[in-house]
Amino acid sequence: MKLRIITPTLHGVADYSAAVGLITLPILLNLGNSSGIAFWFSILTGLAVIVVSILTNYKLGIVRTIPYQGHLAIDLLVAITFMILPFLFDLKGIDGYYYWINAAVIFLVVSLSESK
């Protein structure tokens, strides 16, 4: 039984929603106590998610130059980066937990996404 329940369109909705969260949550959670990278990396990643989503070949893409499979590969790279970021920059407390939780969510979304 395959559990690929997230369609490309639903994945697009998740992408744009995640971008909003990545941009706003560092402000709301007061990230950056252990390092400024915790604050700014999230915001820059959120902006990058918007760009990649606009460029992805799915229903919510606009320019549609990145294949959906390539988009999923980029998502995996982001999840891996988020997983190791707290170790690389010695992020403590909420700064570290924020990235580990985001990494887990991204891994889950990619694993549940249809591969088109």
N, C-alpha and C. Protein backbone atom coordinates (compact mmCIF):
# COMPACT_ATOMS: atom_id res chain seq x y z
N MET A 1 0.84 -1.18 0.00
CA MET A 1 0.00 0.00 0.00
C MET A 1 0.89 1.25 0.00
N LYS A 2 0.66 2.11 -0.96
CA LYS A 2 1.42 3.35 -1.02
C LYS A 2 0.71 4.44 -0.23
N LEU A 3 1.49 5.20 0.50
CA LEU A 3 0.93 6.29 1.28
C LEU A 3 1.26 7.64 0.66
N ARG A 4 1.32 7.69 -0.63
CA ARG A 4 1.60 8.94 -1.33
C ARG A 4 0.29 9.71 -1.48
N ILE A 5 -0.09 10.41 -0.42
CA ILE A 5 -1.43 11.04 -0.37
C ILE A 5 -1.40 12.54 -0.66
N ILE A 6 -0.20 13.09 -0.82
CA ILE A 6 -0.10 14.53 -1.09
C ILE A 6 0.10 14.72 -2.58
N THR A 7 -0.91 15.26 -3.23
CA THR A 7 -0.84 15.52 -4.67
C THR A 7 0.10 16.69 -4.94
N PRO A 8 0.57 16.85 -6.18
CA PRO A 8 1.40 18.01 -6.49
C PRO A 8 0.71 19.34 -6.16
N THR A 9 -0.59 19.43 -6.40
CA THR A 9 -1.31 20.66 -6.08
C THR A 9 -1.33 20.91 -4.57
N LEU A 10 -1.61 19.87 -3.80
CA LEU A 10 -1.60 20.02 -2.35
C LEU A 10 -0.19 20.32 -1.85
N HIS A 11 0.81 19.74 -2.50
CA HIS A 11 2.20 20.03 -2.15
C HIS A 11 2.49 21.52 -2.39
N GLY A 12 1.96 22.05 -3.48
CA GLY A 12 2.12 23.48 -3.76
C GLY A 12 1.51 24.36 -2.69
N VAL A 13 0.32 23.98 -2.22
CA VAL A 13 -0.32 24.72 -1.13
C VAL A 13 0.57 24.67 0.11
N ALA A 14 1.12 23.48 0.40
CA ALA A 14 2.02 23.34 1.55
C ALA A 14 3.26 24.20 1.37
N ASP A 15 3.78 24.26 0.15
CA ASP A 15 4.98 25.07 -0.11
C ASP A 15 4.75 26.55 0.19
N TYR A 16 3.70 27.10 -0.37
CA TYR A 16 3.44 28.53 -0.15
C TYR A 16 3.12 28.81 1.33
N SER A 17 2.40 27.87 1.97
CA SER A 17 2.11 28.03 3.40
C SER A 17 3.40 27.96 4.23
N ALA A 18 4.26 27.02 3.88
CA ALA A 18 5.54 26.89 4.59
C ALA A 18 6.38 28.15 4.42
N ALA A 19 6.36 28.72 3.23
CA ALA A 19 7.13 29.95 2.98
C ALA A 19 6.68 31.06 3.92
N VAL A 20 5.38 31.21 4.07
CA VAL A 20 4.85 32.23 4.98
C VAL A 20 5.32 31.95 6.41
N GLY A 21 5.27 30.68 6.81
CA GLY A 21 5.72 30.33 8.15
C GLY A 21 7.21 30.57 8.34
N LEU A 22 8.01 30.19 7.35
CA LEU A 22 9.46 30.39 7.46
C LEU A 22 9.84 31.87 7.54
N ILE A 23 9.03 32.72 6.95
CA ILE A 23 9.30 34.16 6.98
C ILE A 23 8.79 34.81 8.27
N THR A 24 7.64 34.37 8.75
CA THR A 24 7.03 35.04 9.91
C THR A 24 7.40 34.44 11.27
N LEU A 25 7.59 33.13 11.32
CA LEU A 25 7.84 32.49 12.61
C LEU A 25 9.12 32.93 13.31
N PRO A 26 10.19 33.23 12.59
CA PRO A 26 11.37 33.71 13.33
C PRO A 26 11.09 34.98 14.13
N ILE A 27 10.21 35.82 13.62
CA ILE A 27 9.84 37.05 14.32
C ILE A 27 8.94 36.70 15.51
N LEU A 28 7.93 35.87 15.26
CA LEU A 28 6.98 35.52 16.32
C LEU A 28 7.62 34.71 17.43
N LEU A 29 8.59 33.85 17.09
CA LEU A 29 9.24 33.00 18.09
C LEU A 29 10.51 33.62 18.67
N ASN A 30 10.84 34.81 18.18
CA ASN A 30 12.05 35.50 18.64
C ASN A 30 13.30 34.63 18.47
N LEU A 31 13.42 34.04 17.27
CA LEU A 31 14.60 33.21 16.98
C LEU A 31 15.85 34.07 16.93
N GLY A 32 16.98 33.44 17.13
CA GLY A 32 18.26 34.12 17.00
C GLY A 32 18.97 34.35 18.31
N ASN A 33 18.48 33.77 19.39
CA ASN A 33 19.13 33.98 20.69
C ASN A 33 20.51 33.33 20.76
N SER A 34 20.66 32.18 20.11
CA SER A 34 21.97 31.51 20.14
C SER A 34 22.83 31.91 18.96
N SER A 35 22.21 32.38 17.89
CA SER A 35 22.95 32.84 16.70
C SER A 35 21.98 33.54 15.77
N GLY A 36 22.42 34.62 15.17
CA GLY A 36 21.59 35.34 14.21
C GLY A 36 21.25 34.50 13.00
N ILE A 37 22.06 33.47 12.73
CA ILE A 37 21.78 32.60 11.58
C ILE A 37 20.42 31.93 11.74
N ALA A 38 20.01 31.63 12.97
CA ALA A 38 18.72 30.97 13.21
C ALA A 38 17.58 31.84 12.70
N PHE A 39 17.70 33.14 12.87
CA PHE A 39 16.67 34.08 12.43
C PHE A 39 16.70 34.24 10.90
N TRP A 40 17.85 34.61 10.37
CA TRP A 40 17.95 34.98 8.96
C TRP A 40 17.88 33.80 8.01
N PHE A 41 18.39 32.64 8.40
CA PHE A 41 18.37 31.48 7.50
C PHE A 41 16.93 31.07 7.20
N SER A 42 16.07 31.15 8.18
CA SER A 42 14.66 30.80 7.98
C SER A 42 13.99 31.77 7.00
N ILE A 43 14.22 33.04 7.20
CA ILE A 43 13.61 34.04 6.31
C ILE A 43 14.11 33.88 4.88
N LEU A 44 15.41 33.71 4.71
CA LEU A 44 15.97 33.52 3.37
C LEU A 44 15.46 32.22 2.74
N THR A 45 15.32 31.18 3.55
CA THR A 45 14.77 29.93 3.02
C THR A 45 13.32 30.11 2.60
N GLY A 46 12.55 30.84 3.38
CA GLY A 46 11.16 31.12 3.01
C GLY A 46 11.06 31.84 1.68
N LEU A 47 11.93 32.82 1.47
CA LEU A 47 11.93 33.53 0.18
C LEU A 47 12.33 32.60 -0.95
N ALA A 48 13.30 31.72 -0.69
CA ALA A 48 13.73 30.75 -1.71
C ALA A 48 12.61 29.76 -2.03
N VAL A 49 11.83 29.37 -1.02
CA VAL A 49 10.71 28.46 -1.25
C VAL A 49 9.70 29.10 -2.20
N ILE A 50 9.45 30.38 -2.04
CA ILE A 50 8.52 31.08 -2.95
C ILE A 50 9.06 31.03 -4.37
N VAL A 51 10.34 31.34 -4.54
CA VAL A 51 10.95 31.34 -5.88
C VAL A 51 10.88 29.95 -6.50
N VAL A 52 11.29 28.93 -5.74
CA VAL A 52 11.27 27.56 -6.27
C VAL A 52 9.84 27.13 -6.60
N SER A 53 8.88 27.49 -5.78
CA SER A 53 7.49 27.14 -6.04
C SER A 53 6.97 27.81 -7.30
N ILE A 54 7.30 29.05 -7.49
CA ILE A 54 6.90 29.77 -8.72
C ILE A 54 7.49 29.09 -9.94
N LEU A 55 8.70 28.55 -9.81
CA LEU A 55 9.41 27.94 -10.93
C LEU A 55 9.09 26.45 -11.13
N THR A 56 8.33 25.84 -10.23
CA THR A 56 8.06 24.41 -10.31
C THR A 56 6.95 24.09 -11.28
N ASN A 57 7.12 22.96 -11.98
CA ASN A 57 6.13 22.50 -12.95
C ASN A 57 5.03 21.72 -12.22
N TYR A 58 4.16 22.48 -11.56
CA TYR A 58 2.94 21.94 -10.98
C TYR A 58 1.87 23.01 -11.08
N LYS A 59 0.65 22.66 -10.72
CA LYS A 59 -0.50 23.55 -10.94
C LYS A 59 -0.30 24.95 -10.37
N LEU A 60 0.37 25.07 -9.23
CA LEU A 60 0.54 26.37 -8.59
C LEU A 60 1.83 27.08 -9.02
N GLY A 61 2.60 26.46 -9.90
CA GLY A 61 3.78 27.11 -10.44
C GLY A 61 3.38 28.14 -11.50
N ILE A 62 4.21 29.11 -11.71
CA ILE A 62 3.90 30.16 -12.69
C ILE A 62 4.78 30.02 -13.92
N VAL A 63 6.08 29.89 -13.72
CA VAL A 63 7.03 29.78 -14.84
C VAL A 63 7.24 28.33 -15.25
N ARG A 64 7.16 27.40 -14.32
CA ARG A 64 7.18 25.96 -14.53
C ARG A 64 8.41 25.44 -15.27
N THR A 65 9.57 25.81 -14.78
CA THR A 65 10.81 25.33 -15.40
C THR A 65 11.49 24.23 -14.59
N ILE A 66 11.20 24.11 -13.31
CA ILE A 66 11.78 23.06 -12.48
C ILE A 66 10.84 21.87 -12.48
N PRO A 67 11.33 20.69 -12.90
CA PRO A 67 10.45 19.50 -12.85
C PRO A 67 10.04 19.22 -11.40
N TYR A 68 8.87 18.64 -11.24
CA TYR A 68 8.36 18.35 -9.90
C TYR A 68 9.32 17.44 -9.13
N GLN A 69 9.92 16.46 -9.81
CA GLN A 69 10.90 15.58 -9.16
C GLN A 69 12.09 16.39 -8.66
N GLY A 70 12.52 17.37 -9.44
CA GLY A 70 13.61 18.25 -9.02
C GLY A 70 13.22 19.06 -7.80
N HIS A 71 11.99 19.49 -7.77
CA HIS A 71 11.47 20.24 -6.61
C HIS A 71 11.55 19.37 -5.35
N LEU A 72 11.13 18.10 -5.47
CA LEU A 72 11.19 17.20 -4.32
C LEU A 72 12.63 16.98 -3.87
N ALA A 73 13.56 16.93 -4.81
CA ALA A 73 14.98 16.78 -4.47
C ALA A 73 15.47 18.02 -3.71
N ILE A 74 15.04 19.19 -4.14
CA ILE A 74 15.41 20.44 -3.44
C ILE A 74 14.84 20.40 -2.02
N ASP A 75 13.59 19.96 -1.88
CA ASP A 75 12.98 19.85 -0.55
C ASP A 75 13.81 18.94 0.36
N LEU A 76 14.29 17.82 -0.18
CA LEU A 76 15.12 16.91 0.62
C LEU A 76 16.43 17.57 1.05
N LEU A 77 17.02 18.34 0.15
CA LEU A 77 18.25 19.06 0.50
C LEU A 77 17.99 20.08 1.62
N VAL A 78 16.85 20.74 1.55
CA VAL A 78 16.49 21.70 2.61
C VAL A 78 16.30 20.96 3.93
N ALA A 79 15.63 19.82 3.90
CA ALA A 79 15.41 19.05 5.13
C ALA A 79 16.74 18.61 5.74
N ILE A 80 17.65 18.14 4.92
CA ILE A 80 18.96 17.72 5.41
C ILE A 80 19.71 18.92 5.99
N THR A 81 19.64 20.05 5.30
CA THR A 81 20.30 21.26 5.78
C THR A 81 19.72 21.69 7.13
N PHE A 82 18.40 21.67 7.23
CA PHE A 82 17.75 22.04 8.50
C PHE A 82 18.14 21.08 9.62
N MET A 83 18.35 19.80 9.28
CA MET A 83 18.70 18.81 10.30
C MET A 83 20.10 19.07 10.86
N ILE A 84 21.04 19.48 10.00
CA ILE A 84 22.42 19.66 10.47
C ILE A 84 22.74 21.08 10.91
N LEU A 85 21.91 22.05 10.53
CA LEU A 85 22.17 23.45 10.86
C LEU A 85 22.41 23.70 12.36
N PRO A 86 21.59 23.12 13.25
CA PRO A 86 21.84 23.36 14.68
C PRO A 86 23.22 22.88 15.15
N PHE A 87 23.73 21.82 14.53
CA PHE A 87 25.06 21.32 14.89
C PHE A 87 26.15 22.22 14.32
N LEU A 88 25.96 22.66 13.09
CA LEU A 88 26.97 23.50 12.44
C LEU A 88 27.15 24.85 13.12
N PHE A 89 26.04 25.42 13.58
CA PHE A 89 26.08 26.77 14.16
C PHE A 89 25.79 26.78 15.65
N ASP A 90 25.82 25.62 16.28
CA ASP A 90 25.63 25.50 17.72
C ASP A 90 24.34 26.21 18.18
N LEU A 91 23.25 25.91 17.48
CA LEU A 91 21.97 26.52 17.83
C LEU A 91 21.39 25.82 19.05
N LYS A 92 21.03 26.58 20.03
CA LYS A 92 20.52 26.05 21.30
C LYS A 92 19.04 26.38 21.48
N GLY A 93 18.38 25.62 22.31
CA GLY A 93 16.99 25.89 22.68
C GLY A 93 16.06 25.96 21.48
N ILE A 94 15.18 26.94 21.50
CA ILE A 94 14.18 27.09 20.44
C ILE A 94 14.82 27.21 19.07
N ASP A 95 16.00 27.81 18.98
CA ASP A 95 16.67 27.95 17.69
C ASP A 95 16.94 26.58 17.07
N GLY A 96 17.45 25.66 17.84
CA GLY A 96 17.74 24.31 17.33
C GLY A 96 16.48 23.51 17.10
N TYR A 97 15.58 23.55 18.08
CA TYR A 97 14.33 22.78 17.95
C TYR A 97 13.54 23.21 16.72
N TYR A 98 13.52 24.48 16.44
CA TYR A 98 12.80 25.02 15.28
C TYR A 98 13.26 24.33 13.99
N TYR A 99 14.56 24.22 13.81
CA TYR A 99 15.08 23.61 12.59
C TYR A 99 14.88 22.11 12.55
N TRP A 100 15.01 21.44 13.70
CA TRP A 100 14.79 20.00 13.72
C TRP A 100 13.33 19.66 13.44
N ILE A 101 12.41 20.42 14.00
CA ILE A 101 10.99 20.17 13.75
C ILE A 101 10.66 20.44 12.28
N ASN A 102 11.18 21.54 11.73
CA ASN A 102 10.95 21.82 10.32
C ASN A 102 11.52 20.72 9.44
N ALA A 103 12.71 20.22 9.77
CA ALA A 103 13.31 19.13 8.99
C ALA A 103 12.42 17.90 9.00
N ALA A 104 11.90 17.55 10.17
CA ALA A 104 11.03 16.38 10.27
C ALA A 104 9.76 16.55 9.43
N VAL A 105 9.19 17.74 9.47
CA VAL A 105 7.98 18.01 8.69
C VAL A 105 8.27 17.93 7.19
N ILE A 106 9.39 18.48 6.77
CA ILE A 106 9.73 18.43 5.34
C ILE A 106 9.96 16.99 4.89
N PHE A 107 10.70 16.20 5.69
CA PHE A 107 10.89 14.79 5.36
C PHE A 107 9.55 14.08 5.22
N LEU A 108 8.64 14.35 6.14
CA LEU A 108 7.33 13.72 6.11
C LEU A 108 6.54 14.13 4.85
N VAL A 109 6.53 15.42 4.56
CA VAL A 109 5.78 15.89 3.38
C VAL A 109 6.35 15.28 2.10
N VAL A 110 7.66 15.24 1.97
CA VAL A 110 8.27 14.66 0.76
C VAL A 110 7.94 13.17 0.67
N SER A 111 8.02 12.48 1.79
CA SER A 111 7.76 11.03 1.76
C SER A 111 6.29 10.72 1.44
N LEU A 112 5.40 11.63 1.75
CA LEU A 112 3.97 11.42 1.47
C LEU A 112 3.51 12.04 0.15
N SER A 113 4.42 12.71 -0.56
CA SER A 113 4.07 13.38 -1.80
C SER A 113 4.11 12.42 -2.98
N GLU A 114 3.09 12.51 -3.85
CA GLU A 114 3.10 11.75 -5.09
C GLU A 114 4.32 12.16 -5.89
N SER A 115 4.88 11.22 -6.61
CA SER A 115 6.08 11.55 -7.39
C SER A 115 5.74 11.93 -8.83
N LYS A 116 4.49 12.08 -9.13
CA LYS A 116 3.95 12.54 -10.42
C LYS A 116 4.32 11.66 -11.51
